Amino acid sequence: VSIKSYMEPPKENIHYIVCKNPDNLKNILSNISQDKW
């Protein structure tokens, strides 16, 4: 998924989360605090 083609693109870990494969999604999500969400 390309999300970089906007004039001011969203930034990783500020506006979106990157997941390279479904296997690590649960791990990524479990390591994000409520405050960060």
Full PDB file with SEQRES, HELIX, SHEET, SSBOND, CRYST1, ORIGX, SCALE, CONECT and MASTER records, all heavy atoms in Angstrom:
SEQRES   1 A   37  VAL SER ILE LYS SER TYR MET GLU PRO PRO LYS GLU ASN          
SEQRES   2 A   37  ILE HIS TYR ILE VAL CYS LYS ASN PRO ASP ASN LEU LYS          
SEQRES   3 A   37  ASN ILE LEU SER ASN ILE SER GLN ASP LYS TRP                  
HELIX    1 AA1 PRO A   22  ASN A   24  5                                   3    
HELIX    2 AA2 LEU A   25  SER A   30  1                                   6    
CRYST1    1.000    1.000    1.000  90.00  90.00  90.00 P 1           1          
ORIGX1      1.000000  0.000000  0.000000        0.00000                         
ORIGX2      0.000000  1.000000  0.000000        0.00000                         
ORIGX3      0.000000  0.000000  1.000000        0.00000                         
SCALE1      1.000000  0.000000  0.000000        0.00000                         
SCALE2      0.000000  1.000000  0.000000        0.00000                         
SCALE3      0.000000  0.000000  1.000000        0.00000                         
ATOM      1  N   VAL A   1       0.849  -1.193   0.000  1.00  0.00           N  
ATOM      2  CA  VAL A   1       0.000   0.000   0.000  1.00  0.00           C  
ATOM      3  C   VAL A   1       0.882   1.239   0.000  1.00  0.00           C  
ATOM      4  O   VAL A   1       1.763   1.384   0.834  1.00  0.00           O  
ATOM      5  CB  VAL A   1      -0.928   0.016   1.238  1.00  0.00           C  
ATOM      6  CG1 VAL A   1      -1.715   1.311   1.308  1.00  0.00           C  
ATOM      7  CG2 VAL A   1      -1.862  -1.177   1.214  1.00  0.00           C  
ATOM      8  N   SER A   2       0.634   2.124  -0.960  1.00  0.00           N  
ATOM      9  CA  SER A   2       1.384   3.379  -1.021  1.00  0.00           C  
ATOM     10  C   SER A   2       0.533   4.489  -0.428  1.00  0.00           C  
ATOM     11  O   SER A   2      -0.547   4.778  -0.909  1.00  0.00           O  
ATOM     12  CB  SER A   2       1.741   3.713  -2.467  1.00  0.00           C  
ATOM     13  OG  SER A   2       2.312   5.004  -2.516  1.00  0.00           O  
ATOM     14  N   ILE A   3       1.041   5.098   0.601  1.00  0.00           N  
ATOM     15  CA  ILE A   3       0.325   6.198   1.245  1.00  0.00           C  
ATOM     16  C   ILE A   3       1.175   7.468   1.195  1.00  0.00           C  
ATOM     17  O   ILE A   3       0.900   8.458   1.838  1.00  0.00           O  
ATOM     18  CB  ILE A   3      -0.069   5.799   2.687  1.00  0.00           C  
ATOM     19  CG1 ILE A   3      -1.132   6.730   3.224  1.00  0.00           C  
ATOM     20  CG2 ILE A   3       1.140   5.712   3.585  1.00  0.00           C  
ATOM     21  CD1 ILE A   3      -1.886   6.204   4.413  1.00  0.00           C  
ATOM     22  N   LYS A   4       2.217   7.457   0.391  1.00  0.00           N  
ATOM     23  CA  LYS A   4       3.181   8.552   0.325  1.00  0.00           C  
ATOM     24  C   LYS A   4       2.899   9.578  -0.770  1.00  0.00           C  
ATOM     25  O   LYS A   4       3.613  10.555  -0.889  1.00  0.00           O  
ATOM     26  CB  LYS A   4       4.590   7.988   0.105  1.00  0.00           C  
ATOM     27  CG  LYS A   4       5.020   6.991   1.129  1.00  0.00           C  
ATOM     28  CD  LYS A   4       5.711   7.655   2.252  1.00  0.00           C  
ATOM     29  CE  LYS A   4       6.253   6.608   3.210  1.00  0.00           C  
ATOM     30  NZ  LYS A   4       6.490   7.141   4.498  1.00  0.00           N  
ATOM     31  N   SER A   5       1.875   9.391  -1.569  1.00  0.00           N  
ATOM     32  CA  SER A   5       1.690  10.253  -2.732  1.00  0.00           C  
ATOM     33  C   SER A   5       0.818  11.492  -2.472  1.00  0.00           C  
ATOM     34  O   SER A   5       0.431  12.171  -3.406  1.00  0.00           O  
ATOM     35  CB  SER A   5       1.110   9.443  -3.892  1.00  0.00           C  
ATOM     36  OG  SER A   5      -0.140   8.920  -3.525  1.00  0.00           O  
ATOM     37  N   TYR A   6       0.544  11.784  -1.223  1.00  0.00           N  
ATOM     38  CA  TYR A   6      -0.177  13.006  -0.895  1.00  0.00           C  
ATOM     39  C   TYR A   6       0.793  14.177  -0.853  1.00  0.00           C  
ATOM     40  O   TYR A   6       1.995  13.988  -0.662  1.00  0.00           O  
ATOM     41  CB  TYR A   6      -0.872  12.864   0.464  1.00  0.00           C  
ATOM     42  CG  TYR A   6      -1.944  11.810   0.467  1.00  0.00           C  
ATOM     43  CD1 TYR A   6      -1.681  10.524   0.898  1.00  0.00           C  
ATOM     44  CD2 TYR A   6      -3.213  12.097   0.010  1.00  0.00           C  
ATOM     45  CE1 TYR A   6      -2.658   9.550   0.892  1.00  0.00           C  
ATOM     46  CE2 TYR A   6      -4.204  11.133  -0.015  1.00  0.00           C  
ATOM     47  CZ  TYR A   6      -3.920   9.867   0.424  1.00  0.00           C  
ATOM     48  OH  TYR A   6      -4.886   8.906   0.404  1.00  0.00           O  
ATOM     49  N   MET A   7       0.278  15.405  -1.014  1.00  0.00           N  
ATOM     50  CA  MET A   7       1.163  16.575  -0.948  1.00  0.00           C  
ATOM     51  C   MET A   7       1.875  16.627   0.395  1.00  0.00           C  
ATOM     52  O   MET A   7       3.037  16.975   0.477  1.00  0.00           O  
ATOM     53  CB  MET A   7       0.374  17.865  -1.176  1.00  0.00           C  
ATOM     54  CG  MET A   7       0.065  18.113  -2.628  1.00  0.00           C  
ATOM     55  SD  MET A   7      -0.516  19.783  -2.936  1.00  0.00           S  
ATOM     56  CE  MET A   7      -2.147  19.708  -2.211  1.00  0.00           C  
ATOM     57  N   GLU A   8       1.166  16.311   1.440  1.00  0.00           N  
ATOM     58  CA  GLU A   8       1.752  16.193   2.775  1.00  0.00           C  
ATOM     59  C   GLU A   8       1.399  14.802   3.288  1.00  0.00           C  
ATOM     60  O   GLU A   8       0.350  14.594   3.893  1.00  0.00           O  
ATOM     61  CB  GLU A   8       1.196  17.264   3.704  1.00  0.00           C  
ATOM     62  CG  GLU A   8       1.875  17.285   5.041  1.00  0.00           C  
ATOM     63  CD  GLU A   8       1.422  18.459   5.883  1.00  0.00           C  
ATOM     64  OE1 GLU A   8       1.378  19.590   5.377  1.00  0.00           O  
ATOM     65  OE2 GLU A   8       1.089  18.221   7.051  1.00  0.00           O  
ATOM     66  N   PRO A   9       2.236  13.823   2.989  1.00  0.00           N  
ATOM     67  CA  PRO A   9       1.882  12.434   3.309  1.00  0.00           C  
ATOM     68  C   PRO A   9       1.792  12.175   4.815  1.00  0.00           C  
ATOM     69  O   PRO A   9       2.513  12.792   5.592  1.00  0.00           O  
ATOM     70  CB  PRO A   9       3.010  11.607   2.700  1.00  0.00           C  
ATOM     71  CG  PRO A   9       3.950  12.536   2.077  1.00  0.00           C  
ATOM     72  CD  PRO A   9       3.517  13.928   2.333  1.00  0.00           C  
ATOM     73  N   PRO A  10       0.908  11.267   5.194  1.00  0.00           N  
ATOM     74  CA  PRO A  10       0.877  10.840   6.600  1.00  0.00           C  
ATOM     75  C   PRO A  10       2.215  10.197   6.964  1.00  0.00           C  
ATOM     76  O   PRO A  10       2.936   9.702   6.087  1.00  0.00           O  
ATOM     77  CB  PRO A  10      -0.239   9.801   6.638  1.00  0.00           C  
ATOM     78  CG  PRO A  10      -0.984   9.948   5.372  1.00  0.00           C  
ATOM     79  CD  PRO A  10      -0.074  10.577   4.388  1.00  0.00           C  
ATOM     80  N   LYS A  11       2.532  10.207   8.246  1.00  0.00           N  
ATOM     81  CA  LYS A  11       3.816   9.680   8.710  1.00  0.00           C  
ATOM     82  C   LYS A  11       3.615   8.405   9.530  1.00  0.00           C  
ATOM     83  O   LYS A  11       2.686   8.316  10.343  1.00  0.00           O  
ATOM     84  CB  LYS A  11       4.528  10.734   9.547  1.00  0.00           C  
ATOM     85  CG  LYS A  11       4.879  11.964   8.748  1.00  0.00           C  
ATOM     86  CD  LYS A  11       5.534  13.020   9.609  1.00  0.00           C  
ATOM     87  CE  LYS A  11       5.886  14.199   8.728  1.00  0.00           C  
ATOM     88  NZ  LYS A  11       5.390  15.448   9.235  1.00  0.00           N  
ATOM     89  N   GLU A  12       4.536   7.481   9.303  1.00  0.00           N  
ATOM     90  CA  GLU A  12       4.498   6.215  10.032  1.00  0.00           C  
ATOM     91  C   GLU A  12       4.636   6.464  11.529  1.00  0.00           C  
ATOM     92  O   GLU A  12       5.423   7.305  11.963  1.00  0.00           O  
ATOM     93  CB  GLU A  12       5.640   5.308   9.549  1.00  0.00           C  
ATOM     94  CG  GLU A  12       5.654   3.950  10.191  1.00  0.00           C  
ATOM     95  CD  GLU A  12       6.756   3.053   9.666  1.00  0.00           C  
ATOM     96  OE1 GLU A  12       7.387   3.388   8.656  1.00  0.00           O  
ATOM     97  OE2 GLU A  12       6.974   2.003  10.291  1.00  0.00           O  
ATOM     98  N   ASN A  13       3.874   5.748  12.320  1.00  0.00           N  
ATOM     99  CA  ASN A  13       3.845   5.826  13.776  1.00  0.00           C  
ATOM    100  C   ASN A  13       3.338   7.164  14.312  1.00  0.00           C  
ATOM    101  O   ASN A  13       3.394   7.412  15.512  1.00  0.00           O  
ATOM    102  CB  ASN A  13       5.202   5.489  14.393  1.00  0.00           C  
ATOM    103  CG  ASN A  13       5.586   4.058  14.130  1.00  0.00           C  
ATOM    104  OD1 ASN A  13       4.745   3.174  14.168  1.00  0.00           O  
ATOM    105  ND2 ASN A  13       6.845   3.828  13.828  1.00  0.00           N  
ATOM    106  N   ILE A  14       2.873   8.022  13.433  1.00  0.00           N  
ATOM    107  CA  ILE A  14       2.208   9.259  13.835  1.00  0.00           C  
ATOM    108  C   ILE A  14       0.771   9.227  13.329  1.00  0.00           C  
ATOM    109  O   ILE A  14      -0.157   9.581  14.046  1.00  0.00           O  
ATOM    110  CB  ILE A  14       2.958  10.494  13.308  1.00  0.00           C  
ATOM    111  CG1 ILE A  14       4.325  10.570  13.979  1.00  0.00           C  
ATOM    112  CG2 ILE A  14       2.157  11.769  13.553  1.00  0.00           C  
ATOM    113  CD1 ILE A  14       5.226  11.659  13.451  1.00  0.00           C  
ATOM    114  N   HIS A  15       0.606   8.762  12.066  1.00  0.00           N  
ATOM    115  CA  HIS A  15      -0.721   8.687  11.451  1.00  0.00           C  
ATOM    116  C   HIS A  15      -1.125   7.260  11.074  1.00  0.00           C  
ATOM    117  O   HIS A  15      -2.289   7.014  10.808  1.00  0.00           O  
ATOM    118  CB  HIS A  15      -0.770   9.541  10.179  1.00  0.00           C  
ATOM    119  CG  HIS A  15      -0.403  10.962  10.412  1.00  0.00           C  
ATOM    120  ND1 HIS A  15       0.787  11.488   9.976  1.00  0.00           N  
ATOM    121  CD2 HIS A  15      -1.067  11.966  11.031  1.00  0.00           C  
ATOM    122  CE1 HIS A  15       0.841  12.771  10.309  1.00  0.00           C  
ATOM    123  NE2 HIS A  15      -0.267  13.083  10.954  1.00  0.00           N  
ATOM    124  N   TYR A  16      -0.189   6.368  10.979  1.00  0.00           N  
ATOM    125  CA  TYR A  16      -0.498   4.990  10.596  1.00  0.00           C  
ATOM    126  C   TYR A  16       0.555   4.047  11.152  1.00  0.00           C  
ATOM    127  O   TYR A  16       1.623   4.471  11.594  1.00  0.00           O  
ATOM    128  CB  TYR A  16      -0.616   4.830   9.078  1.00  0.00           C  
ATOM    129  CG  TYR A  16       0.661   5.061   8.312  1.00  0.00           C  
ATOM    130  CD1 TYR A  16       1.520   4.012   8.010  1.00  0.00           C  
ATOM    131  CD2 TYR A  16       1.009   6.327   7.872  1.00  0.00           C  
ATOM    132  CE1 TYR A  16       2.691   4.213   7.299  1.00  0.00           C  
ATOM    133  CE2 TYR A  16       2.171   6.550   7.163  1.00  0.00           C  
ATOM    134  CZ  TYR A  16       3.010   5.490   6.876  1.00  0.00           C  
ATOM    135  OH  TYR A  16       4.176   5.706   6.176  1.00  0.00           O  
ATOM    136  N   ILE A  17       0.233   2.759  11.107  1.00  0.00           N  
ATOM    137  CA  ILE A  17       1.126   1.705  11.580  1.00  0.00           C  
ATOM    138  C   ILE A  17       1.452   0.810  10.394  1.00  0.00           C  
ATOM    139  O   ILE A  17       0.582   0.520   9.582  1.00  0.00           O  
ATOM    140  CB  ILE A  17       0.439   0.876  12.676  1.00  0.00           C  
ATOM    141  CG1 ILE A  17       0.131   1.766  13.877  1.00  0.00           C  
ATOM    142  CG2 ILE A  17       1.276  -0.320  13.090  1.00  0.00           C  
ATOM    143  CD1 ILE A  17      -0.850   1.156  14.831  1.00  0.00           C  
ATOM    144  N   VAL A  18       2.688   0.382  10.305  1.00  0.00           N  
ATOM    145  CA  VAL A  18       3.099  -0.532   9.239  1.00  0.00           C  
ATOM    146  C   VAL A  18       3.168  -1.950   9.804  1.00  0.00           C  
ATOM    147  O   VAL A  18       3.705  -2.175  10.883  1.00  0.00           O  
ATOM    148  CB  VAL A  18       4.482  -0.138   8.665  1.00  0.00           C  
ATOM    149  CG1 VAL A  18       5.006  -1.198   7.715  1.00  0.00           C  
ATOM    150  CG2 VAL A  18       4.399   1.199   7.969  1.00  0.00           C  
ATOM    151  N   CYS A  19       2.609  -2.866   9.051  1.00  0.00           N  
ATOM    152  CA  CYS A  19       2.678  -4.290   9.394  1.00  0.00           C  
ATOM    153  C   CYS A  19       3.151  -5.033   8.150  1.00  0.00           C  
ATOM    154  O   CYS A  19       2.490  -4.984   7.120  1.00  0.00           O  
ATOM    155  CB  CYS A  19       1.317  -4.790   9.849  1.00  0.00           C  
ATOM    156  SG  CYS A  19       1.332  -6.522  10.304  1.00  0.00           S  
ATOM    157  N   LYS A  20       4.282  -5.707   8.253  1.00  0.00           N  
ATOM    158  CA  LYS A  20       4.848  -6.387   7.088  1.00  0.00           C  
ATOM    159  C   LYS A  20       4.121  -7.676   6.734  1.00  0.00           C  
ATOM    160  O   LYS A  20       4.093  -8.075   5.592  1.00  0.00           O  
ATOM    161  CB  LYS A  20       6.332  -6.655   7.319  1.00  0.00           C  
ATOM    162  CG  LYS A  20       7.088  -5.354   7.399  1.00  0.00           C  
ATOM    163  CD  LYS A  20       8.567  -5.558   7.493  1.00  0.00           C  
ATOM    164  CE  LYS A  20       9.164  -4.197   7.393  1.00  0.00           C  
ATOM    165  NZ  LYS A  20      10.190  -3.814   8.135  1.00  0.00           N  
ATOM    166  N   ASN A  21       3.543  -8.327   7.737  1.00  0.00           N  
ATOM    167  CA  ASN A  21       2.774  -9.544   7.466  1.00  0.00           C  
ATOM    168  C   ASN A  21       1.785  -9.789   8.600  1.00  0.00           C  
ATOM    169  O   ASN A  21       1.972  -9.287   9.707  1.00  0.00           O  
ATOM    170  CB  ASN A  21       3.702 -10.750   7.245  1.00  0.00           C  
ATOM    171  CG  ASN A  21       4.521 -11.061   8.458  1.00  0.00           C  
ATOM    172  OD1 ASN A  21       3.988 -11.296   9.533  1.00  0.00           O  
ATOM    173  ND2 ASN A  21       5.841 -11.068   8.307  1.00  0.00           N  
ATOM    174  N   PRO A  22       0.748 -10.540   8.334  1.00  0.00           N  
ATOM    175  CA  PRO A  22      -0.291 -10.775   9.352  1.00  0.00           C  
ATOM    176  C   PRO A  22       0.217 -11.466  10.617  1.00  0.00           C  
ATOM    177  O   PRO A  22      -0.345 -11.289  11.695  1.00  0.00           O  
ATOM    178  CB  PRO A  22      -1.311 -11.657   8.637  1.00  0.00           C  
ATOM    179  CG  PRO A  22      -1.043 -11.481   7.190  1.00  0.00           C  
ATOM    180  CD  PRO A  22       0.411 -11.136   7.054  1.00  0.00           C  
ATOM    181  N   ASP A  23       1.294 -12.212  10.485  1.00  0.00           N  
ATOM    182  CA  ASP A  23       1.805 -12.940  11.638  1.00  0.00           C  
ATOM    183  C   ASP A  23       2.280 -12.027  12.757  1.00  0.00           C  
ATOM    184  O   ASP A  23       2.189 -12.375  13.927  1.00  0.00           O  
ATOM    185  CB  ASP A  23       2.945 -13.880  11.225  1.00  0.00           C  
ATOM    186  CG  ASP A  23       2.483 -14.963  10.275  1.00  0.00           C  
ATOM    187  OD1 ASP A  23       1.290 -15.340  10.342  1.00  0.00           O  
ATOM    188  OD2 ASP A  23       3.292 -15.417   9.458  1.00  0.00           O  
ATOM    189  N   ASN A  24       2.807 -10.859  12.405  1.00  0.00           N  
ATOM    190  CA  ASN A  24       3.307  -9.986  13.460  1.00  0.00           C  
ATOM    191  C   ASN A  24       2.322  -8.889  13.868  1.00  0.00           C  
ATOM    192  O   ASN A  24       2.632  -8.066  14.713  1.00  0.00           O  
ATOM    193  CB  ASN A  24       4.667  -9.402  13.091  1.00  0.00           C  
ATOM    194  CG  ASN A  24       4.605  -8.388  11.987  1.00  0.00           C  
ATOM    195  OD1 ASN A  24       3.603  -8.241  11.300  1.00  0.00           O  
ATOM    196  ND2 ASN A  24       5.691  -7.669  11.805  1.00  0.00           N  
ATOM    197  N   LEU A  25       1.132  -8.882  13.289  1.00  0.00           N  
ATOM    198  CA  LEU A  25       0.150  -7.852  13.610  1.00  0.00           C  
ATOM    199  C   LEU A  25      -0.249  -7.879  15.088  1.00  0.00           C  
ATOM    200  O   LEU A  25      -0.275  -6.834  15.746  1.00  0.00           O  
ATOM    201  CB  LEU A  25      -1.093  -7.991  12.730  1.00  0.00           C  
ATOM    202  CG  LEU A  25      -2.180  -6.957  12.985  1.00  0.00           C  
ATOM    203  CD1 LEU A  25      -1.658  -5.540  12.746  1.00  0.00           C  
ATOM    204  CD2 LEU A  25      -3.385  -7.244  12.093  1.00  0.00           C  
ATOM    205  N   LYS A  26      -0.528  -9.039  15.616  1.00  0.00           N  
ATOM    206  CA  LYS A  26      -0.938  -9.142  17.026  1.00  0.00           C  
ATOM    207  C   LYS A  26       0.149  -8.591  17.942  1.00  0.00           C  
ATOM    208  O   LYS A  26      -0.146  -7.862  18.894  1.00  0.00           O  
ATOM    209  CB  LYS A  26      -1.259 -10.592  17.380  1.00  0.00           C  
ATOM    210  CG  LYS A  26      -1.839 -10.756  18.746  1.00  0.00           C  
ATOM    211  CD  LYS A  26      -2.278 -12.183  18.987  1.00  0.00           C  
ATOM    212  CE  LYS A  26      -2.900 -12.311  20.360  1.00  0.00           C  
ATOM    213  NZ  LYS A  26      -3.377 -13.657  20.636  1.00  0.00           N  
ATOM    214  N   ASN A  27       1.393  -8.900  17.651  1.00  0.00           N  
ATOM    215  CA  ASN A  27       2.510  -8.408  18.446  1.00  0.00           C  
ATOM    216  C   ASN A  27       2.608  -6.881  18.370  1.00  0.00           C  
ATOM    217  O   ASN A  27       2.793  -6.214  19.388  1.00  0.00           O  
ATOM    218  CB  ASN A  27       3.816  -9.054  17.973  1.00  0.00           C  
ATOM    219  CG  ASN A  27       4.985  -8.661  18.832  1.00  0.00           C  
ATOM    220  OD1 ASN A  27       4.878  -8.606  20.056  1.00  0.00           O  
ATOM    221  ND2 ASN A  27       6.105  -8.374  18.199  1.00  0.00           N  
ATOM    222  N   ILE A  28       2.465  -6.334  17.179  1.00  0.00           N  
ATOM    223  CA  ILE A  28       2.523  -4.883  17.000  1.00  0.00           C  
ATOM    224  C   ILE A  28       1.413  -4.206  17.798  1.00  0.00           C  
ATOM    225  O   ILE A  28       1.652  -3.247  18.538  1.00  0.00           O  
ATOM    226  CB  ILE A  28       2.423  -4.507  15.505  1.00  0.00           C  
ATOM    227  CG1 ILE A  28       3.692  -4.919  14.759  1.00  0.00           C  
ATOM    228  CG2 ILE A  28       2.179  -3.009  15.325  1.00  0.00           C  
ATOM    229  CD1 ILE A  28       3.584  -4.813  13.254  1.00  0.00           C  
ATOM    230  N   LEU A  29       0.210  -4.704  17.649  1.00  0.00           N  
ATOM    231  CA  LEU A  29      -0.936  -4.084  18.308  1.00  0.00           C  
ATOM    232  C   LEU A  29      -0.868  -4.203  19.829  1.00  0.00           C  
ATOM    233  O   LEU A  29      -1.261  -3.275  20.541  1.00  0.00           O  
ATOM    234  CB  LEU A  29      -2.238  -4.689  17.786  1.00  0.00           C  
ATOM    235  CG  LEU A  29      -2.507  -4.477  16.296  1.00  0.00           C  
ATOM    236  CD1 LEU A  29      -3.814  -5.138  15.900  1.00  0.00           C  
ATOM    237  CD2 LEU A  29      -2.505  -3.001  15.932  1.00  0.00           C  
ATOM    238  N   SER A  30      -0.367  -5.308  20.318  1.00  0.00           N  
ATOM    239  CA  SER A  30      -0.306  -5.496  21.775  1.00  0.00           C  
ATOM    240  C   SER A  30       0.751  -4.600  22.426  1.00  0.00           C  
ATOM    241  O   SER A  30       0.716  -4.396  23.634  1.00  0.00           O  
ATOM    242  CB  SER A  30      -0.048  -6.955  22.123  1.00  0.00           C  
ATOM    243  OG  SER A  30       1.232  -7.346  21.692  1.00  0.00           O  
ATOM    244  N   ASN A  31       1.666  -4.055  21.648  1.00  0.00           N  
ATOM    245  CA  ASN A  31       2.719  -3.196  22.191  1.00  0.00           C  
ATOM    246  C   ASN A  31       2.414  -1.705  22.066  1.00  0.00           C  
ATOM    247  O   ASN A  31       3.296  -0.874  22.277  1.00  0.00           O  
ATOM    248  CB  ASN A  31       4.054  -3.512  21.515  1.00  0.00           C  
ATOM    249  CG  ASN A  31       4.606  -4.830  21.986  1.00  0.00           C  
ATOM    250  OD1 ASN A  31       4.641  -5.106  23.181  1.00  0.00           O  
ATOM    251  ND2 ASN A  31       5.017  -5.665  21.050  1.00  0.00           N  
ATOM    252  N   ILE A  32       1.182  -1.364  21.740  1.00  0.00           N  
ATOM    253  CA  ILE A  32       0.789   0.040  21.643  1.00  0.00           C  
ATOM    254  C   ILE A  32      -0.119   0.352  22.834  1.00  0.00           C  
ATOM    255  O   ILE A  32      -1.161  -0.278  23.007  1.00  0.00           O  
ATOM    256  CB  ILE A  32       0.068   0.326  20.311  1.00  0.00           C  
ATOM    257  CG1 ILE A  32       1.016   0.053  19.141  1.00  0.00           C  
ATOM    258  CG2 ILE A  32      -0.419   1.772  20.272  1.00  0.00           C  
ATOM    259  CD1 ILE A  32       0.374   0.204  17.780  1.00  0.00           C  
ATOM    260  N   SER A  33       0.283   1.329  23.615  1.00  0.00           N  
ATOM    261  CA  SER A  33      -0.485   1.695  24.808  1.00  0.00           C  
ATOM    262  C   SER A  33      -1.777   2.414  24.425  1.00  0.00           C  
ATOM    263  O   SER A  33      -1.912   2.936  23.317  1.00  0.00           O  
ATOM    264  CB  SER A  33       0.352   2.599  25.713  1.00  0.00           C  
ATOM    265  OG  SER A  33       0.541   3.865  25.090  1.00  0.00           O  
ATOM    266  N   GLN A  34      -2.692   2.483  25.362  1.00  0.00           N  
ATOM    267  CA  GLN A  34      -3.953   3.199  25.159  1.00  0.00           C  
ATOM    268  C   GLN A  34      -3.672   4.672  24.835  1.00  0.00           C  
ATOM    269  O   GLN A  34      -4.293   5.248  23.953  1.00  0.00           O  
ATOM    270  CB  GLN A  34      -4.837   3.083  26.411  1.00  0.00           C  
ATOM    271  CG  GLN A  34      -6.168   3.795  26.296  1.00  0.00           C  
ATOM    272  CD  GLN A  34      -7.125   3.136  25.315  1.00  0.00           C  
ATOM    273  OE1 GLN A  34      -7.054   1.935  25.089  1.00  0.00           O  
ATOM    274  NE2 GLN A  34      -8.002   3.913  24.742  1.00  0.00           N  
ATOM    275  N   ASP A  35      -2.725   5.271  25.544  1.00  0.00           N  
ATOM    276  CA  ASP A  35      -2.366   6.666  25.313  1.00  0.00           C  
ATOM    277  C   ASP A  35      -1.845   6.870  23.885  1.00  0.00           C  
ATOM    278  O   ASP A  35      -2.221   7.819  23.204  1.00  0.00           O  
ATOM    279  CB  ASP A  35      -1.304   7.110  26.330  1.00  0.00           C  
ATOM    280  CG  ASP A  35      -0.947   8.571  26.195  1.00  0.00           C  
ATOM    281  OD1 ASP A  35      -1.862   9.422  26.205  1.00  0.00           O  
ATOM    282  OD2 ASP A  35       0.264   8.872  26.067  1.00  0.00           O  
ATOM    283  N   LYS A  36      -0.997   5.952  23.426  1.00  0.00           N  
ATOM    284  CA  LYS A  36      -0.463   6.036  22.061  1.00  0.00           C  
ATOM    285  C   LYS A  36      -1.584   5.894  21.034  1.00  0.00           C  
ATOM    286  O   LYS A  36      -1.625   6.617  20.038  1.00  0.00           O  
ATOM    287  CB  LYS A  36       0.609   4.963  21.851  1.00  0.00           C  
ATOM    288  CG  LYS A  36       1.200   4.900  20.457  1.00  0.00           C  
ATOM    289  CD  LYS A  36       2.066   6.104  20.139  1.00  0.00           C  
ATOM    290  CE  LYS A  36       2.732   5.908  18.788  1.00  0.00           C  
ATOM    291  NZ  LYS A  36       3.491   7.069  18.375  1.00  0.00           N  
ATOM    292  N   TRP A  37      -2.536   4.954  21.270  1.00  0.00           N  
ATOM    293  CA  TRP A  37      -3.674   4.792  20.353  1.00  0.00           C  
ATOM    294  C   TRP A  37      -4.463   6.088  20.253  1.00  0.00           C  
ATOM    295  O   TRP A  37      -4.857   6.504  19.170  1.00  0.00           O  
ATOM    296  CB  TRP A  37      -4.613   3.678  20.821  1.00  0.00           C  
ATOM    297  CG  TRP A  37      -4.248   2.332  20.318  1.00  0.00           C  
ATOM    298  CD1 TRP A  37      -3.895   1.265  21.080  1.00  0.00           C  
ATOM    299  CD2 TRP A  37      -4.191   1.889  18.958  1.00  0.00           C  
ATOM    300  NE1 TRP A  37      -3.612   0.189  20.261  1.00  0.00           N  
ATOM    301  CE2 TRP A  37      -3.791   0.541  18.958  1.00  0.00           C  
ATOM    302  CE3 TRP A  37      -4.425   2.508  17.739  1.00  0.00           C  
ATOM    303  CZ2 TRP A  37      -3.633  -0.194  17.800  1.00  0.00           C  
ATOM    304  CZ3 TRP A  37      -4.274   1.767  16.576  1.00  0.00           C  
ATOM    305  CH2 TRP A  37      -3.881   0.436  16.618  1.00  0.00           C  
TER     306      TRP A  37                                                      
MASTER        0    0    0    2    0    0    0    6  305    1    0    3          
END                                                                             
